[in-house]
């Protein structure tokens, strides 16, 4: 455990203290964004193995890639929350905190004596956020929920595939991330309200609710037509041309969201006649005649290479993009020029690359990150500096297994 105090964070949320009981992804992503914005995050982890994601390969040194990705700029305290002394430490920290974040199943925090009503009784300014899979009044009740479960129940998997193919999950864990993103909206709104009322709130966000809220026009297609949207792969359910199109050596993304871009695209194909063709003149016409238009586009585009089309589409002012791998995306000029990757130093592992947060204030991004903490790395610092515990008392708790003694 470190004896050196962690430097305070800077940013719009500097001075805000967050006690974070969340683990895995829905929750840790939210607290990481709060850390990027300047909040002090104390991550509470179980004694034995910590956050479950610490054990997910591959590893850099002793740290999991998964844990690294979601836990920069946080402090780690390792507590036995089933022990009375561990619960008291958590309550004492909550009394000093502005926010509490947790993502256990409904009722778990109450059984630990750390539910909203209990903690608010000692701190009426406390903003308490619970992220769950389904919420407290869902017919799914206490069922365990992970990202893929939320994706399946939201309907999003049914449209995330090529026509006629098996449903597929999104390539990013959007069910988990949606819960985190909407919890951030709630936390920041409640913080603003507290500045006026002096009172905290209990925020509840369900992963499934969050994914359904993100469906946007897909839900409205069902409400308007009575029919569920069908999978169209990379294409758009109501706009054409929009999606991935084959070239002689790969694929190119084309996005003609407006009629002007459709006209530009037709000219880039050397098929200006398509603009006045009554089958393709307007949005509805092209959608009704998708099966006729797409082969025309495919036939022309497969005559030339991806590089040829990327240059030509730029020349004709058509929204376009190559389809990059994750590695190619991270190595592209945009990422370097926007300074979206930073290198931090870890006391045991050495240099470590992290993706920076995207929010900029007055042109500047987040303050430099700190490396993800080792399990219980800040326990002594937190107990000593925030709760005023004596060294002998901390040693006694370590010996009893109430806090992590590593």
Foldseek 3Di string as FASTA:
>chain_A
DDPDDDDAFDAPQGPAEEEEAAAQFQRLQLVVVVVLRGYAYEYEFEFPQTGPQLPDDDDQVSGHPSLQFRFWFYHFWHFDLQDPVRVVVVLLVLLVHQEYEYEAAPPPCVVSQRDDVSSCVSPQNYAYEYEYAADCPDPCHRDHDALVNLCVVLCVQQQADAPPDHGDDDPDSQLSVLSSVVVNVVSVVQVVVCVPVVGYYYHYGHSNVSSNVPPPVQVVVCVVPVDHQGHHHQCDSQAPPAGWADALVGIKTFHCPDLLLVCLVCVLLVNNVQCPDQCRVDSVSCNVPVVPPRVVVNVSRHVHDPVVVVVSCVVSVTDMDDDDDPVCVCPDPVCVVLVQKDWEQDPPSGTDIYGFDDDDDPSHGGDDIYGRDDHNNCNVVCCCVVVVDDPVVVVVCCVVSRIHPD
